Amino acid sequence: MKQLGSELPTHVCRLNKSLYGLRQAPRAWYNKLNGALQQWGFKKAVSDVSLFIKKTSSYVLFVLVYVDDILVISSDSLALQGCIQDLDKNFALKTLGSVNYFLGF
């Protein structure tokens, strides 16, 4: 098997996709999540860059991102389920159910 490095020893390969475990992976994941949420009509909160808010005439939906955990809260259960389904379609998601304990509160 021929190795690329022996032919072009001064060249560097550019990754087209961020790989899990690399330093850039969390940033790439957040950028993808940020883009998806904004495409779905969410706005970033001014006071906290990890909080996304979607307000309509019938409900308010909050998405809070903490490292690799996402807390989704809504005033409407159908909007909540729709948001979870959208997230599940685009990201590897494990739904843990209702929140009993969050950041020590």
PDB file of N, CA and C in Angstrom:
ATOM      1  N   MET A   1       0.838  -1.182   0.000  1.00  0.00           N
ATOM      2  CA  MET A   1       0.000   0.000   0.000  1.00  0.00           C
ATOM      3  C   MET A   1       0.884   1.246   0.000  1.00  0.00           C
ATOM      4  N   LYS A   2       0.624   2.155  -0.886  1.00  0.00           N
ATOM      5  CA  LYS A   2       1.393   3.378  -1.032  1.00  0.00           C
ATOM      6  C   LYS A   2       0.889   4.427  -0.039  1.00  0.00           C
ATOM      7  N   GLN A   3       1.786   5.105   0.642  1.00  0.00           N
ATOM      8  CA  GLN A   3       1.391   6.127   1.603  1.00  0.00           C
ATOM      9  C   GLN A   3       1.486   7.506   0.962  1.00  0.00           C
ATOM     10  N   LEU A   4       0.483   8.333   1.230  1.00  0.00           N
ATOM     11  CA  LEU A   4       0.432   9.679   0.674  1.00  0.00           C
ATOM     12  C   LEU A   4       1.561  10.547   1.208  1.00  0.00           C
ATOM     13  N   GLY A   5       1.913  10.375   2.470  1.00  0.00           N
ATOM     14  CA  GLY A   5       2.938  11.197   3.099  1.00  0.00           C
ATOM     15  C   GLY A   5       4.306  11.057   2.460  1.00  0.00           C
ATOM     16  N   SER A   6       4.595   9.890   1.916  1.00  0.00           N
ATOM     17  CA  SER A   6       5.897   9.692   1.293  1.00  0.00           C
ATOM     18  C   SER A   6       5.995  10.422  -0.048  1.00  0.00           C
ATOM     19  N   GLU A   7       4.865  10.591  -0.736  1.00  0.00           N
ATOM     20  CA  GLU A   7       4.859  11.296  -2.016  1.00  0.00           C
ATOM     21  C   GLU A   7       4.860  12.809  -1.847  1.00  0.00           C
ATOM     22  N   LEU A   8       4.101  13.296  -0.881  1.00  0.00           N
ATOM     23  CA  LEU A   8       3.953  14.737  -0.668  1.00  0.00           C
ATOM     24  C   LEU A   8       4.231  15.059   0.806  1.00  0.00           C
ATOM     25  N   PRO A   9       5.493  15.015   1.220  1.00  0.00           N
ATOM     26  CA  PRO A   9       5.796  15.165   2.651  1.00  0.00           C
ATOM     27  C   PRO A   9       5.531  16.559   3.224  1.00  0.00           C
ATOM     28  N   THR A  10       5.392  17.575   2.386  1.00  0.00           N
ATOM     29  CA  THR A  10       5.165  18.928   2.901  1.00  0.00           C
ATOM     30  C   THR A  10       3.696  19.340   2.846  1.00  0.00           C
ATOM     31  N   HIS A  11       2.832  18.480   2.360  1.00  0.00           N
ATOM     32  CA  HIS A  11       1.421  18.800   2.243  1.00  0.00           C
ATOM     33  C   HIS A  11       0.656  18.436   3.518  1.00  0.00           C
ATOM     34  N   VAL A  12      -0.444  19.145   3.742  1.00  0.00           N
ATOM     35  CA  VAL A  12      -1.305  18.903   4.889  1.00  0.00           C
ATOM     36  C   VAL A  12      -2.695  18.580   4.360  1.00  0.00           C
ATOM     37  N   CYS A  13      -3.344  17.584   4.947  1.00  0.00           N
ATOM     38  CA  CYS A  13      -4.708  17.219   4.538  1.00  0.00           C
ATOM     39  C   CYS A  13      -5.716  18.062   5.304  1.00  0.00           C
ATOM     40  N   ARG A  14      -6.723  18.525   4.614  1.00  0.00           N
ATOM     41  CA  ARG A  14      -7.802  19.295   5.231  1.00  0.00           C
ATOM     42  C   ARG A  14      -9.011  18.385   5.399  1.00  0.00           C
ATOM     43  N   LEU A  15      -9.563  18.341   6.629  1.00  0.00           N
ATOM     44  CA  LEU A  15     -10.738  17.523   6.886  1.00  0.00           C
ATOM     45  C   LEU A  15     -11.982  18.247   6.413  1.00  0.00           C
ATOM     46  N   ASN A  16     -12.828  17.564   5.674  1.00  0.00           N
ATOM     47  CA  ASN A  16     -14.094  18.145   5.245  1.00  0.00           C
ATOM     48  C   ASN A  16     -15.162  18.000   6.318  1.00  0.00           C
ATOM     49  N   LYS A  17     -14.936  17.150   7.282  1.00  0.00           N
ATOM     50  CA  LYS A  17     -15.907  16.872   8.336  1.00  0.00           C
ATOM     51  C   LYS A  17     -15.160  16.817   9.656  1.00  0.00           C
ATOM     52  N   SER A  18     -15.707  17.457  10.691  1.00  0.00           N
ATOM     53  CA  SER A  18     -15.053  17.396  11.991  1.00  0.00           C
ATOM     54  C   SER A  18     -15.280  16.016  12.596  1.00  0.00           C
ATOM     55  N   LEU A  19     -14.279  15.502  13.229  1.00  0.00           N
ATOM     56  CA  LEU A  19     -14.348  14.163  13.798  1.00  0.00           C
ATOM     57  C   LEU A  19     -14.513  14.243  15.306  1.00  0.00           C
ATOM     58  N   TYR A  20     -15.301  13.323  15.846  1.00  0.00           N
ATOM     59  CA  TYR A  20     -15.503  13.270  17.296  1.00  0.00           C
ATOM     60  C   TYR A  20     -14.160  13.069  17.981  1.00  0.00           C
ATOM     61  N   GLY A  21     -13.919  13.818  19.018  1.00  0.00           N
ATOM     62  CA  GLY A  21     -12.675  13.695  19.754  1.00  0.00           C
ATOM     63  C   GLY A  21     -11.646  14.755  19.395  1.00  0.00           C
ATOM     64  N   LEU A  22     -11.833  15.428  18.276  1.00  0.00           N
ATOM     65  CA  LEU A  22     -10.920  16.501  17.929  1.00  0.00           C
ATOM     66  C   LEU A  22     -11.315  17.782  18.650  1.00  0.00           C
ATOM     67  N   ARG A  23     -10.391  18.698  18.758  1.00  0.00           N
ATOM     68  CA  ARG A  23     -10.649  19.944  19.479  1.00  0.00           C
ATOM     69  C   ARG A  23     -11.773  20.767  18.834  1.00  0.00           C
ATOM     70  N   GLN A  24     -11.911  20.669  17.521  1.00  0.00           N
ATOM     71  CA  GLN A  24     -12.906  21.468  16.810  1.00  0.00           C
ATOM     72  C   GLN A  24     -14.301  20.850  16.845  1.00  0.00           C
ATOM     73  N   ALA A  25     -14.437  19.609  17.264  1.00  0.00           N
ATOM     74  CA  ALA A  25     -15.713  18.903  17.202  1.00  0.00           C
ATOM     75  C   ALA A  25     -16.826  19.609  17.989  1.00  0.00           C
ATOM     76  N   PRO A  26     -16.594  20.060  19.235  1.00  0.00           N
ATOM     77  CA  PRO A  26     -17.676  20.754  19.952  1.00  0.00           C
ATOM     78  C   PRO A  26     -18.127  22.041  19.258  1.00  0.00           C
ATOM     79  N   ARG A  27     -17.182  22.781  18.700  1.00  0.00           N
ATOM     80  CA  ARG A  27     -17.528  24.015  17.995  1.00  0.00           C
ATOM     81  C   ARG A  27     -18.340  23.703  16.746  1.00  0.00           C
ATOM     82  N   ALA A  28     -17.948  22.680  16.010  1.00  0.00           N
ATOM     83  CA  ALA A  28     -18.686  22.290  14.807  1.00  0.00           C
ATOM     84  C   ALA A  28     -20.099  21.843  15.167  1.00  0.00           C
ATOM     85  N   TRP A  29     -20.230  21.087  16.262  1.00  0.00           N
ATOM     86  CA  TRP A  29     -21.552  20.639  16.718  1.00  0.00           C
ATOM     87  C   TRP A  29     -22.415  21.838  17.099  1.00  0.00           C
ATOM     88  N   TYR A  30     -21.851  22.781  17.861  1.00  0.00           N
ATOM     89  CA  TYR A  30     -22.608  23.962  18.278  1.00  0.00           C
ATOM     90  C   TYR A  30     -23.006  24.804  17.063  1.00  0.00           C
ATOM     91  N   ASN A  31     -22.099  24.968  16.105  1.00  0.00           N
ATOM     92  CA  ASN A  31     -22.424  25.753  14.913  1.00  0.00           C
ATOM     93  C   ASN A  31     -23.552  25.113  14.122  1.00  0.00           C
ATOM     94  N   LYS A  32     -23.544  23.794  14.026  1.00  0.00           N
ATOM     95  CA  LYS A  32     -24.622  23.087  13.330  1.00  0.00           C
ATOM     96  C   LYS A  32     -25.943  23.251  14.083  1.00  0.00           C
ATOM     97  N   LEU A  33     -25.904  23.115  15.408  1.00  0.00           N
ATOM     98  CA  LEU A  33     -27.110  23.289  16.227  1.00  0.00           C
ATOM     99  C   LEU A  33     -27.615  24.727  16.137  1.00  0.00           C
ATOM    100  N   ASN A  34     -26.725  25.685  16.241  1.00  0.00           N
ATOM    101  CA  ASN A  34     -27.079  27.094  16.149  1.00  0.00           C
ATOM    102  C   ASN A  34     -27.758  27.395  14.814  1.00  0.00           C
ATOM    103  N   GLY A  35     -27.184  26.907  13.725  1.00  0.00           N
ATOM    104  CA  GLY A  35     -27.767  27.126  12.399  1.00  0.00           C
ATOM    105  C   GLY A  35     -29.143  26.502  12.268  1.00  0.00           C
ATOM    106  N   ALA A  36     -29.297  25.288  12.772  1.00  0.00           N
ATOM    107  CA  ALA A  36     -30.598  24.606  12.694  1.00  0.00           C
ATOM    108  C   ALA A  36     -31.654  25.356  13.504  1.00  0.00           C
ATOM    109  N   LEU A  37     -31.319  25.758  14.715  1.00  0.00           N
ATOM    110  CA  LEU A  37     -32.291  26.467  15.559  1.00  0.00           C
ATOM    111  C   LEU A  37     -32.692  27.800  14.932  1.00  0.00           C
ATOM    112  N   GLN A  38     -31.737  28.531  14.397  1.00  0.00           N
ATOM    113  CA  GLN A  38     -32.071  29.809  13.774  1.00  0.00           C
ATOM    114  C   GLN A  38     -32.908  29.601  12.515  1.00  0.00           C
ATOM    115  N   GLN A  39     -32.653  28.529  11.787  1.00  0.00           N
ATOM    116  CA  GLN A  39     -33.453  28.200  10.602  1.00  0.00           C
ATOM    117  C   GLN A  39     -34.901  27.878  11.002  1.00  0.00           C
ATOM    118  N   TRP A  40     -35.086  27.299  12.175  1.00  0.00           N
ATOM    119  CA  TRP A  40     -36.421  26.946  12.666  1.00  0.00           C
ATOM    120  C   TRP A  40     -37.127  28.116  13.357  1.00  0.00           C
ATOM    121  N   GLY A  41     -36.509  29.297  13.346  1.00  0.00           N
ATOM    122  CA  GLY A  41     -37.169  30.488  13.873  1.00  0.00           C
ATOM    123  C   GLY A  41     -36.758  30.895  15.274  1.00  0.00           C
ATOM    124  N   PHE A  42     -35.745  30.274  15.833  1.00  0.00           N
ATOM    125  CA  PHE A  42     -35.269  30.646  17.168  1.00  0.00           C
ATOM    126  C   PHE A  42     -34.344  31.850  17.072  1.00  0.00           C
ATOM    127  N   LYS A  43     -34.340  32.639  18.127  1.00  0.00           N
ATOM    128  CA  LYS A  43     -33.429  33.780  18.250  1.00  0.00           C
ATOM    129  C   LYS A  43     -32.564  33.557  19.477  1.00  0.00           C
ATOM    130  N   LYS A  44     -31.299  33.971  19.394  1.00  0.00           N
ATOM    131  CA  LYS A  44     -30.415  33.884  20.558  1.00  0.00           C
ATOM    132  C   LYS A  44     -30.812  34.944  21.571  1.00  0.00           C
ATOM    133  N   ALA A  45     -30.792  34.575  22.836  1.00  0.00           N
ATOM    134  CA  ALA A  45     -31.051  35.543  23.897  1.00  0.00           C
ATOM    135  C   ALA A  45     -29.862  36.494  23.992  1.00  0.00           C
ATOM    136  N   VAL A  46     -30.128  37.739  24.288  1.00  0.00           N
ATOM    137  CA  VAL A  46     -29.068  38.738  24.403  1.00  0.00           C
ATOM    138  C   VAL A  46     -28.223  38.470  25.643  1.00  0.00           C
ATOM    139  N   SER A  47     -28.851  38.040  26.724  1.00  0.00           N
ATOM    140  CA  SER A  47     -28.153  37.861  27.997  1.00  0.00           C
ATOM    141  C   SER A  47     -27.358  36.564  28.089  1.00  0.00           C
ATOM    142  N   ASP A  48     -27.683  35.562  27.260  1.00  0.00           N
ATOM    143  CA  ASP A  48     -27.024  34.266  27.356  1.00  0.00           C
ATOM    144  C   ASP A  48     -26.960  33.632  25.961  1.00  0.00           C
ATOM    145  N   VAL A  49     -25.752  33.421  25.442  1.00  0.00           N
ATOM    146  CA  VAL A  49     -25.607  32.884  24.086  1.00  0.00           C
ATOM    147  C   VAL A  49     -26.005  31.412  23.980  1.00  0.00           C
ATOM    148  N   SER A  50     -26.200  30.746  25.108  1.00  0.00           N
ATOM    149  CA  SER A  50     -26.603  29.343  25.071  1.00  0.00           C
ATOM    150  C   SER A  50     -28.123  29.169  25.154  1.00  0.00           C
ATOM    151  N   LEU A  51     -28.857  30.277  25.220  1.00  0.00           N
ATOM    152  CA  LEU A  51     -30.319  30.236  25.301  1.00  0.00           C
ATOM    153  C   LEU A  51     -30.925  30.710  23.987  1.00  0.00           C
ATOM    154  N   PHE A  52     -31.797  29.873  23.430  1.00  0.00           N
ATOM    155  CA  PHE A  52     -32.504  30.193  22.194  1.00  0.00           C
ATOM    156  C   PHE A  52     -33.997  30.279  22.510  1.00  0.00           C
ATOM    157  N   ILE A  53     -34.673  31.280  21.941  1.00  0.00           N
ATOM    158  CA  ILE A  53     -36.084  31.514  22.236  1.00  0.00           C
ATOM    159  C   ILE A  53     -36.867  31.617  20.933  1.00  0.00           C
ATOM    160  N   LYS A  54     -38.013  30.970  20.917  1.00  0.00           N
ATOM    161  CA  LYS A  54     -38.935  31.085  19.783  1.00  0.00           C
ATOM    162  C   LYS A  54     -40.289  31.497  20.340  1.00  0.00           C
ATOM    163  N   LYS A  55     -40.752  32.679  19.947  1.00  0.00           N
ATOM    164  CA  LYS A  55     -42.048  33.191  20.402  1.00  0.00           C
ATOM    165  C   LYS A  55     -43.007  33.245  19.228  1.00  0.00           C
ATOM    166  N   THR A  56     -44.184  32.720  19.432  1.00  0.00           N
ATOM    167  CA  THR A  56     -45.263  32.863  18.455  1.00  0.00           C
ATOM    168  C   THR A  56     -46.471  33.405  19.201  1.00  0.00           C
ATOM    169  N   SER A  57     -47.564  33.599  18.480  1.00  0.00           N
ATOM    170  CA  SER A  57     -48.774  34.108  19.140  1.00  0.00           C
ATOM    171  C   SER A  57     -49.397  33.062  20.067  1.00  0.00           C
ATOM    172  N   SER A  58     -49.064  31.785  19.869  1.00  0.00           N
ATOM    173  CA  SER A  58     -49.700  30.740  20.678  1.00  0.00           C
ATOM    174  C   SER A  58     -48.783  30.061  21.694  1.00  0.00           C
ATOM    175  N   TYR A  59     -47.459  30.228  21.579  1.00  0.00           N
ATOM    176  CA  TYR A  59     -46.566  29.579  22.542  1.00  0.00           C
ATOM    177  C   TYR A  59     -45.201  30.254  22.580  1.00  0.00           C
ATOM    178  N   VAL A  60     -44.453  29.911  23.618  1.00  0.00           N
ATOM    179  CA  VAL A  60     -43.053  30.306  23.759  1.00  0.00           C
ATOM    180  C   VAL A  60     -42.262  29.020  23.958  1.00  0.00           C
ATOM    181  N   LEU A  61     -41.127  28.924  23.270  1.00  0.00           N
ATOM    182  CA  LEU A  61     -40.296  27.727  23.328  1.00  0.00           C
ATOM    183  C   LEU A  61     -38.877  28.157  23.667  1.00  0.00           C
ATOM    184  N   PHE A  62     -38.296  27.528  24.683  1.00  0.00           N
ATOM    185  CA  PHE A  62     -36.935  27.829  25.104  1.00  0.00           C
ATOM    186  C   PHE A  62     -36.062  26.599  24.883  1.00  0.00           C
ATOM    187  N   VAL A  63     -34.869  26.813  24.335  1.00  0.00           N
ATOM    188  CA  VAL A  63     -33.872  25.751  24.195  1.00  0.00           C
ATOM    189  C   VAL A  63     -32.603  26.263  24.853  1.00  0.00           C
ATOM    190  N   LEU A  64     -32.170  25.563  25.891  1.00  0.00           N
ATOM    191  CA  LEU A  64     -30.967  25.938  26.616  1.00  0.00           C
ATOM    192  C   LEU A  64     -29.911  24.868  26.379  1.00  0.00           C
ATOM    193  N   VAL A  65     -28.747  25.285  25.917  1.00  0.00           N
ATOM    194  CA  VAL A  65     -27.660  24.359  25.605  1.00  0.00           C
ATOM    195  C   VAL A  65     -26.601  24.493  26.693  1.00  0.00           C
ATOM    196  N   TYR A  66     -26.263  23.367  27.313  1.00  0.00           N
ATOM    197  CA  TYR A  66     -25.221  23.355  28.337  1.00  0.00           C
ATOM    198  C   TYR A  66     -24.247  22.236  27.989  1.00  0.00           C
ATOM    199  N   VAL A  67     -23.081  22.587  27.473  1.00  0.00           N
ATOM    200  CA  VAL A  67     -22.052  21.677  26.978  1.00  0.00           C
ATOM    201  C   VAL A  67     -22.668  20.800  25.887  1.00  0.00           C
ATOM    202  N   ASP A  68     -23.016  19.553  26.184  1.00  0.00           N
ATOM    203  CA  ASP A  68     -23.652  18.708  25.169  1.00  0.00           C
ATOM    204  C   ASP A  68     -25.046  18.265  25.592  1.00  0.00           C
ATOM    205  N   ASP A  69     -25.617  18.959  26.568  1.00  0.00           N
ATOM    206  CA  ASP A  69     -26.988  18.699  27.010  1.00  0.00           C
ATOM    207  C   ASP A  69     -27.887  19.818  26.533  1.00  0.00           C
ATOM    208  N   ILE A  70     -29.125  19.470  26.203  1.00  0.00           N
ATOM    209  CA  ILE A  70     -30.089  20.462  25.733  1.00  0.00           C
ATOM    210  C   ILE A  70     -31.341  20.341  26.578  1.00  0.00           C
ATOM    211  N   LEU A  71     -31.773  21.453  27.136  1.00  0.00           N
ATOM    212  CA  LEU A  71     -33.012  21.513  27.907  1.00  0.00           C
ATOM    213  C   LEU A  71     -34.034  22.252  27.053  1.00  0.00           C
ATOM    214  N   VAL A  72     -35.179  21.625  26.790  1.00  0.00           N
ATOM    215  CA  VAL A  72     -36.228  22.217  25.965  1.00  0.00           C
ATOM    216  C   VAL A  72     -37.458  22.421  26.839  1.00  0.00           C
ATOM    217  N   ILE A  73     -37.953  23.655  26.853  1.00  0.00           N
ATOM    218  CA  ILE A  73     -39.113  24.016  27.672  1.00  0.00           C
ATOM    219  C   ILE A  73     -40.083  24.797  26.804  1.00  0.00           C
ATOM    220  N   SER A  74     -41.381  24.527  26.973  1.00  0.00           N
ATOM    221  CA  SER A  74     -42.375  25.243  26.183  1.00  0.00           C
ATOM    222  C   SER A  74     -43.661  25.418  26.975  1.00  0.00           C
ATOM    223  N   SER A  75     -44.418  26.419  26.575  1.00  0.00           N
ATOM    224  CA  SER A  75     -45.738  26.631  27.155  1.00  0.00           C
ATOM    225  C   SER A  75     -46.792  25.770  26.467  1.00  0.00           C
ATOM    226  N   ASP A  76     -46.413  25.096  25.377  1.00  0.00           N
ATOM    227  CA  ASP A  76     -47.334  24.259  24.613  1.00  0.00           C
ATOM    228  C   ASP A  76     -46.702  22.879  24.392  1.00  0.00           C
ATOM    229  N   SER A  77     -47.396  21.824  24.800  1.00  0.00           N
ATOM    230  CA  SER A  77     -46.825  20.476  24.701  1.00  0.00           C
ATOM    231  C   SER A  77     -46.644  20.024  23.257  1.00  0.00           C
ATOM    232  N   LEU A  78     -47.505  20.451  22.324  1.00  0.00           N
ATOM    233  CA  LEU A  78     -47.343  20.075  20.921  1.00  0.00           C
ATOM    234  C   LEU A  78     -46.107  20.737  20.306  1.00  0.00           C
ATOM    235  N   ALA A  79     -45.865  21.990  20.651  1.00  0.00           N
ATOM    236  CA  ALA A  79     -44.672  22.691  20.173  1.00  0.00           C
ATOM    237  C   ALA A  79     -43.420  22.035  20.745  1.00  0.00           C
ATOM    238  N   LEU A  80     -43.497  21.615  21.985  1.00  0.00           N
ATOM    239  CA  LEU A  80     -42.379  20.932  22.632  1.00  0.00           C
ATOM    240  C   LEU A  80     -42.053  19.622  21.912  1.00  0.00           C
ATOM    241  N   GLN A  81     -43.057  18.819  21.639  1.00  0.00           N
ATOM    242  CA  GLN A  81     -42.857  17.547  20.937  1.00  0.00           C
ATOM    243  C   GLN A  81     -42.341  17.772  19.513  1.00  0.00           C
ATOM    244  N   GLY A  82     -42.845  18.794  18.838  1.00  0.00           N
ATOM    245  CA  GLY A  82     -42.376  19.124  17.495  1.00  0.00           C
ATOM    246  C   GLY A  82     -40.909  19.509  17.482  1.00  0.00           C
ATOM    247  N   CYS A  83     -40.500  20.292  18.472  1.00  0.00           N
ATOM    248  CA  CYS A  83     -39.093  20.706  18.573  1.00  0.00           C
ATOM    249  C   CYS A  83     -38.205  19.493  18.837  1.00  0.00           C
ATOM    250  N   ILE A  84     -38.630  18.618  19.720  1.00  0.00           N
ATOM    251  CA  ILE A  84     -37.849  17.415  20.025  1.00  0.00           C
ATOM    252  C   ILE A  84     -37.734  16.529  18.783  1.00  0.00           C
ATOM    253  N   GLN A  85     -38.813  16.412  18.020  1.00  0.00           N
ATOM    254  CA  GLN A  85     -38.771  15.621  16.789  1.00  0.00           C
ATOM    255  C   GLN A  85     -37.824  16.227  15.756  1.00  0.00           C
ATOM    256  N   ASP A  86     -37.846  17.566  15.623  1.00  0.00           N
ATOM    257  CA  ASP A  86     -36.928  18.239  14.699  1.00  0.00           C
ATOM    258  C   ASP A  86     -35.474  18.018  15.111  1.00  0.00           C
ATOM    259  N   LEU A  87     -35.209  18.132  16.412  1.00  0.00           N
ATOM    260  CA  LEU A  87     -33.853  17.897  16.897  1.00  0.00           C
ATOM    261  C   LEU A  87     -33.427  16.449  16.644  1.00  0.00           C
ATOM    262  N   ASP A  88     -34.347  15.518  16.868  1.00  0.00           N
ATOM    263  CA  ASP A  88     -34.050  14.098  16.692  1.00  0.00           C
ATOM    264  C   ASP A  88     -33.756  13.752  15.232  1.00  0.00           C
ATOM    265  N   LYS A  89     -34.401  14.446  14.298  1.00  0.00           N
ATOM    266  CA  LYS A  89     -34.157  14.203  12.870  1.00  0.00           C
ATOM    267  C   LYS A  89     -32.765  14.653  12.439  1.00  0.00           C
ATOM    268  N   ASN A  90     -32.247  15.682  13.086  1.00  0.00           N
ATOM    269  CA  ASN A  90     -30.995  16.288  12.644  1.00  0.00           C
ATOM    270  C   ASN A  90     -29.783  15.974  13.514  1.00  0.00           C
ATOM    271  N   PHE A  91     -30.008  15.435  14.706  1.00  0.00           N
ATOM    272  CA  PHE A  91     -28.917  15.179  15.639  1.00  0.00           C
ATOM    273  C   PHE A  91     -29.154  13.838  16.331  1.00  0.00           C
ATOM    274  N   ALA A  92     -28.072  13.218  16.786  1.00  0.00           N
ATOM    275  CA  ALA A  92     -28.199  12.007  17.597  1.00  0.00           C
ATOM    276  C   ALA A  92     -28.745  12.446  18.954  1.00  0.00           C
ATOM    277  N   LEU A  93     -29.932  12.005  19.273  1.00  0.00           N
ATOM    278  CA  LEU A  93     -30.631  12.536  20.441  1.00  0.00           C
ATOM    279  C   LEU A  93     -31.104  11.409  21.338  1.00  0.00           C
ATOM    280  N   LYS A  94     -30.938  11.612  22.628  1.00  0.00           N
ATOM    281  CA  LYS A  94     -31.497  10.700  23.616  1.00  0.00           C
ATOM    282  C   LYS A  94     -32.389  11.539  24.521  1.00  0.00           C
ATOM    283  N   THR A  95     -33.681  11.291  24.478  1.00  0.00           N
ATOM    284  CA  THR A  95     -34.622  12.045  25.298  1.00  0.00           C
ATOM    285  C   THR A  95     -34.691  11.403  26.679  1.00  0.00           C
ATOM    286  N   LEU A  96     -34.413  12.194  27.699  1.00  0.00           N
ATOM    287  CA  LEU A  96     -34.377  11.672  29.063  1.00  0.00           C
ATOM    288  C   LEU A  96     -35.661  11.939  29.834  1.00  0.00           C
ATOM    289  N   GLY A  97     -36.634  12.589  29.207  1.00  0.00           N
ATOM    290  CA  GLY A  97     -37.909  12.837  29.878  1.00  0.00           C
ATOM    291  C   GLY A  97     -37.913  14.133  30.649  1.00  0.00           C
ATOM    292  N   SER A  98     -38.812  14.197  31.619  1.00  0.00           N
ATOM    293  CA  SER A  98     -38.972  15.413  32.423  1.00  0.00           C
ATOM    294  C   SER A  98     -37.747  15.670  33.281  1.00  0.00           C
ATOM    295  N   VAL A  99     -37.512  16.950  33.562  1.00  0.00           N
ATOM    296  CA  VAL A  99     -36.350  17.366  34.349  1.00  0.00           C
ATOM    297  C   VAL A  99     -36.708  17.337  35.829  1.00  0.00           C
ATOM    298  N   ASN A 100     -35.880  16.669  36.606  1.00  0.00           N
ATOM    299  CA  ASN A 100     -36.043  16.662  38.057  1.00  0.00           C
ATOM    300  C   ASN A 100     -34.938  17.446  38.738  1.00  0.00           C
ATOM    301  N   TYR A 101     -33.795  17.551  38.062  1.00  0.00           N
ATOM    302  CA  TYR A 101     -32.604  18.151  38.656  1.00  0.00           C
ATOM    303  C   TYR A 101     -31.828  18.811  37.535  1.00  0.00           C
ATOM    304  N   PHE A 102     -31.497  20.093  37.664  1.00  0.00           N
ATOM    305  CA  PHE A 102     -30.760  20.802  36.612  1.00  0.00           C
ATOM    306  C   PHE A 102     -29.739  21.737  37.230  1.00  0.00           C
ATOM    307  N   LEU A 103     -28.481  21.462  37.018  1.00  0.00           N
ATOM    308  CA  LEU A 103     -27.377  22.309  37.495  1.00  0.00           C
ATOM    309  C   LEU A 103     -27.458  22.643  38.983  1.00  0.00           C
ATOM    310  N   GLY A 104     -27.906  21.710  39.768  1.00  0.00           N
ATOM    311  CA  GLY A 104     -27.926  21.906  41.204  1.00  0.00           C
ATOM    312  C   GLY A 104     -29.112  22.687  41.720  1.00  0.00           C
ATOM    313  N   PHE A 105     -30.080  23.023  40.870  1.00  0.00           N
ATOM    314  CA  PHE A 105     -31.239  23.766  41.352  1.00  0.00           C
ATOM    315  C   PHE A 105     -32.296  22.804  41.836  1.00  0.00           C
TER     316      PHE A 105
END
